[in-house]
Protein backbone atom coordinates (compact mmCIF):
# COMPACT_ATOMS: atom_id res chain seq x y z
CA MET A 1 -29.01 -18.19 14.04
CA TRP A 2 -26.67 -17.10 11.23
CA SER A 3 -23.75 -15.26 13.03
CA THR A 4 -21.44 -12.46 11.94
CA THR A 5 -18.59 -15.01 12.36
CA ASN A 6 -20.14 -17.44 9.90
CA LYS A 7 -21.03 -14.75 7.59
CA LEU A 8 -17.33 -13.69 7.33
CA LYS A 9 -16.23 -17.06 6.93
CA SER A 10 -18.72 -17.62 3.97
CA ASP A 11 -17.69 -14.11 2.40
CA ALA A 12 -14.05 -15.33 2.64
CA SER A 13 -14.73 -18.75 0.97
CA LEU A 14 -16.61 -17.08 -1.73
CA LEU A 15 -13.75 -14.53 -2.53
CA GLU A 16 -11.43 -17.40 -2.33
CA LYS A 17 -13.55 -19.20 -4.91
CA TYR A 18 -13.64 -16.37 -7.52
CA MET A 19 -9.99 -15.23 -7.02
CA SER A 20 -8.98 -19.01 -7.60
CA LEU A 21 -10.40 -18.77 -11.12
CA GLU A 22 -8.07 -19.21 -14.12
CA GLN A 23 -7.05 -15.90 -15.55
CA PRO A 24 -7.26 -15.36 -19.23
CA ALA A 25 -3.84 -15.32 -20.89
CA ASP A 26 -4.48 -12.20 -22.77
CA LYS A 27 -5.75 -10.27 -19.91
CA VAL A 28 -3.64 -8.34 -17.22
CA GLN A 29 -5.14 -6.33 -14.17
CA ALA A 30 -3.37 -3.10 -13.81
CA MET A 31 -4.35 -1.23 -10.52
CA TYR A 32 -3.41 2.46 -10.84
CA VAL A 33 -2.89 3.78 -7.39
CA TRP A 34 -2.43 7.55 -6.50
CA ILE A 35 -2.40 10.23 -3.54
CA ASP A 36 -5.51 12.18 -3.40
CA GLY A 37 -6.20 15.73 -2.06
CA GLN A 38 -6.32 14.56 1.79
CA GLN A 39 -3.10 12.46 1.47
CA GLY A 40 -4.96 9.38 1.31
CA LEU A 41 -4.59 6.45 -1.35
CA ARG A 42 -7.08 5.93 -4.07
CA SER A 43 -7.00 3.31 -6.89
CA LYS A 44 -8.72 1.98 -9.91
CA THR A 45 -8.07 -0.99 -12.27
CA ARG A 46 -7.88 -1.40 -15.86
CA THR A 47 -7.46 -4.35 -18.13
CA LEU A 48 -4.47 -4.49 -20.23
CA PRO A 49 -3.89 -7.16 -22.99
CA ALA A 50 -0.40 -8.12 -21.85
CA VAL A 51 2.27 -6.93 -19.44
CA PRO A 52 4.04 -3.90 -20.91
CA GLU A 53 7.67 -4.41 -21.59
CA SER A 54 8.42 -1.08 -19.75
CA LEU A 55 6.86 1.75 -17.86
CA ALA A 56 6.43 3.49 -21.09
CA GLY A 57 3.83 0.92 -22.07
CA TYR A 58 1.43 1.68 -19.40
CA PRO A 59 -1.17 4.13 -20.66
CA LYS A 60 -1.83 7.49 -18.98
CA TRP A 61 -5.29 7.38 -17.43
CA ASN A 62 -7.72 10.04 -15.90
CA PHE A 63 -10.43 10.28 -13.24
CA ASP A 64 -12.67 12.66 -11.64
CA GLY A 65 -10.57 14.99 -9.30
CA SER A 66 -13.64 16.81 -7.99
CA SER A 67 -14.54 13.52 -5.97
CA THR A 68 -10.81 13.25 -4.63
CA ASN A 69 -10.44 17.12 -3.76
CA GLN A 70 -7.94 17.48 -6.38
CA SER A 71 -9.96 19.61 -8.81
CA GLU A 72 -12.99 22.02 -9.27
CA GLY A 73 -16.25 20.49 -10.62
CA ARG A 74 -16.17 22.72 -13.94
CA ASN A 75 -12.67 21.25 -14.65
CA SER A 76 -12.54 17.86 -13.05
CA ASP A 77 -10.31 15.72 -15.32
CA VAL A 78 -7.16 14.93 -13.51
CA TYR A 79 -4.72 12.48 -15.14
CA LEU A 80 -2.64 9.61 -13.93
CA ASN A 81 0.91 9.41 -14.97
CA PRO A 82 2.45 6.08 -14.32
CA VAL A 83 5.78 6.38 -12.50
CA LYS A 84 6.50 3.00 -10.97
CA VAL A 85 5.31 -0.53 -11.25
CA TYR A 86 5.27 -3.44 -8.85
CA ARG A 87 3.97 -6.98 -8.87
CA ASP A 88 0.54 -7.39 -7.40
CA PRO A 89 0.74 -9.15 -4.16
CA PHE A 90 -3.08 -9.06 -3.77
CA ARG A 91 -4.01 -10.46 -7.25
CA GLY A 92 -0.87 -12.25 -8.01
CA ASP A 93 1.21 -12.46 -11.19
CA PRO A 94 0.92 -11.34 -13.95
CA ASN A 95 -0.93 -8.40 -12.42
CA LYS A 96 0.66 -5.17 -11.57
CA LEU A 97 0.36 -2.24 -9.23
CA VAL A 98 0.89 1.13 -10.99
CA LEU A 99 1.99 4.11 -8.85
CA CYS A 100 1.04 7.34 -10.57
CA GLU A 101 1.51 10.94 -10.20
CA THR A 102 -1.36 13.33 -10.70
CA ILE A 103 -1.61 15.99 -13.29
CA SER A 104 -4.28 18.59 -13.66
CA PHE A 105 -6.24 19.33 -16.98
CA ASP A 106 -3.94 21.94 -17.75
CA GLY A 107 -0.82 19.90 -17.61
CA LYS A 108 0.29 21.09 -14.05
CA PRO A 109 0.88 18.87 -11.19
CA THR A 110 -2.02 18.80 -8.75
CA THR A 111 -1.21 20.45 -5.20
CA SER A 112 -1.07 17.01 -3.62
CA ASN A 113 1.74 15.85 -6.28
CA THR A 114 4.82 16.58 -4.10
CA ARG A 115 6.62 14.08 -6.36
CA ARG A 116 7.03 16.45 -9.27
CA SER A 117 8.87 19.16 -6.94
CA CYS A 118 11.01 16.25 -5.55
CA GLU A 119 11.98 15.20 -9.00
CA GLN A 120 13.03 18.69 -9.79
CA VAL A 121 15.42 18.72 -6.99
CA MET A 122 16.90 15.42 -7.65
CA ASN A 123 17.58 16.47 -11.30
CA GLN A 124 19.50 19.30 -9.81
CA VAL A 125 21.95 16.74 -8.18
CA ALA A 126 22.05 14.38 -10.84
CA ASP A 127 25.68 13.96 -10.67
CA GLN A 128 25.35 12.68 -7.11
CA VAL A 129 23.96 9.47 -5.65
CA PRO A 130 21.07 10.50 -2.95
CA VAL A 131 20.19 7.65 -0.86
CA PHE A 132 17.04 7.26 1.19
CA GLY A 133 15.50 4.86 3.79
CA ILE A 134 12.29 4.95 5.77
CA GLU A 135 10.90 3.08 8.96
CA GLN A 136 7.18 3.14 10.03
CA GLU A 137 5.89 2.07 13.33
CA TYR A 138 2.36 1.22 13.78
CA SER A 139 0.14 -0.48 16.35
CA LEU A 140 -2.48 -3.07 15.59
CA LEU A 141 -5.99 -2.74 17.16
CA ASP A 142 -8.56 -5.47 18.09
CA GLY A 143 -10.74 -6.26 15.46
CA THR A 144 -13.84 -6.41 17.84
CA HIS A 145 -13.03 -3.72 20.30
CA ARG A 146 -11.62 -1.31 17.65
CA LYS A 147 -10.13 1.16 20.55
CA THR A 148 -8.38 -1.78 22.25
CA PRO A 149 -4.75 -2.70 21.02
CA LEU A 150 -4.46 -6.14 19.76
CA GLY A 151 -3.62 -8.42 22.60
CA TRP A 152 -4.45 -5.94 25.42
CA PRO A 153 -7.20 -7.14 28.23
CA ILE A 154 -10.29 -5.20 27.59
CA GLY A 155 -10.31 -2.25 29.69
CA GLY A 156 -7.10 -2.91 31.19
CA ASN A 157 -3.32 -2.63 30.46
CA PRO A 158 -0.72 -5.48 29.38
CA GLY A 159 2.30 -6.32 31.70
CA PRO A 160 4.95 -3.51 32.01
CA GLN A 161 7.37 -2.67 29.21
CA GLY A 162 10.12 -4.99 28.71
CA PRO A 163 9.53 -8.23 27.11
CA TYR A 164 7.88 -6.98 24.05
CA TYR A 165 10.66 -5.12 22.14
CA CYS A 166 11.88 -7.92 19.66
CA GLY A 167 9.96 -10.34 21.71
CA VAL A 168 9.09 -13.90 20.79
CA GLY A 169 6.25 -15.85 22.04
CA ALA A 170 2.26 -15.75 22.17
CA ASN A 171 2.29 -13.88 25.42
CA ARG A 172 4.69 -11.33 24.23
CA VAL A 173 4.02 -10.27 20.68
CA PHE A 174 0.58 -9.97 19.06
CA GLY A 175 -0.18 -9.77 15.20
CA ARG A 176 2.81 -11.49 14.00
CA ASP A 177 0.68 -13.31 11.23
CA VAL A 178 -0.10 -9.90 9.82
CA VAL A 179 3.62 -8.77 10.03
CA GLU A 180 4.71 -11.80 8.46
CA ALA A 181 2.08 -11.42 5.61
CA HIS A 182 2.95 -7.87 5.17
CA PHE A 183 6.89 -8.64 4.78
CA ARG A 184 6.44 -11.38 2.28
CA ALA A 185 3.77 -9.12 0.18
CA CYS A 186 6.57 -6.50 0.03
CA MET A 187 9.30 -8.78 -1.03
CA TYR A 188 7.02 -10.35 -3.67
CA ALA A 189 5.85 -7.05 -5.00
CA GLY A 190 9.49 -5.65 -5.18
CA VAL A 191 9.42 -3.17 -2.48
CA ASN A 192 12.92 -2.93 -0.94
CA ILE A 193 11.95 -3.89 2.82
CA CYS A 194 15.00 -4.63 4.72
CA GLY A 195 13.60 -5.62 8.13
CA SER A 196 10.92 -5.64 10.77
CA ASN A 197 10.69 -5.98 14.61
CA ALA A 198 8.38 -5.78 17.44
CA GLU A 199 8.45 -2.60 19.46
CA VAL A 200 8.28 -1.64 23.00
CA MET A 201 4.43 -1.59 23.26
CA ALA A 202 2.52 -4.74 23.10
CA SER A 203 1.03 -4.85 19.31
CA GLN A 204 3.33 -2.03 18.23
CA TRP A 205 5.44 -3.15 15.22
CA GLU A 206 7.87 -1.31 13.03
CA TYR A 207 9.36 -2.10 9.63
CA GLN A 208 12.13 -0.51 7.56
CA VAL A 209 12.60 0.19 3.70
CA GLY A 210 15.85 0.93 2.08
CA LYS A 211 18.36 1.64 0.99
CA CYS A 212 16.90 3.36 -2.13
CA GLU A 213 18.54 5.52 -4.39
CA GLY A 214 17.04 8.65 -5.99
CA ILE A 215 13.49 9.43 -6.26
């Protein structure tokens, strides 16, 4: 009988096959990424003939904002304004991730575009050097039992808190392969990730980004 596991392995093999095909020298994939009306992420990809020499070389684009809760149906065009470019760790060089702000059909920032108001504040203190850093904590869930944290016994609890924080060993930390892949992908892309560590709960992790200047 064809199992789900076998199907997943087959799908992964097919994906690897096609992703290993030689990329044409005159084609670059630029994935435009933006924040939608529910504070989620959206993206779509366009082909460019070459890697632009600067941010200005990435063309503005548009999408149907009525499908992302960012416009009404009668005036649904929302425009993507590129603001930052990173190397694409998913597709590899020379492809790019293009982070964008969203602009309504009338030229005004959408309600979800909080970057524009932040930029206005930054411009008011242009003679100073604002420095930012973030940290994000997250927990990994078991892929089969979606409500169970990774590494926890089904229907039970792991051992008491203590050995997991900054822990080492297969019986103390869970999901390190995901953490290592994420760290390397951030460095490859050009994200200024500065650290990561296991947290106090089994399967809980944290990473830090910064310091970063300005917007």
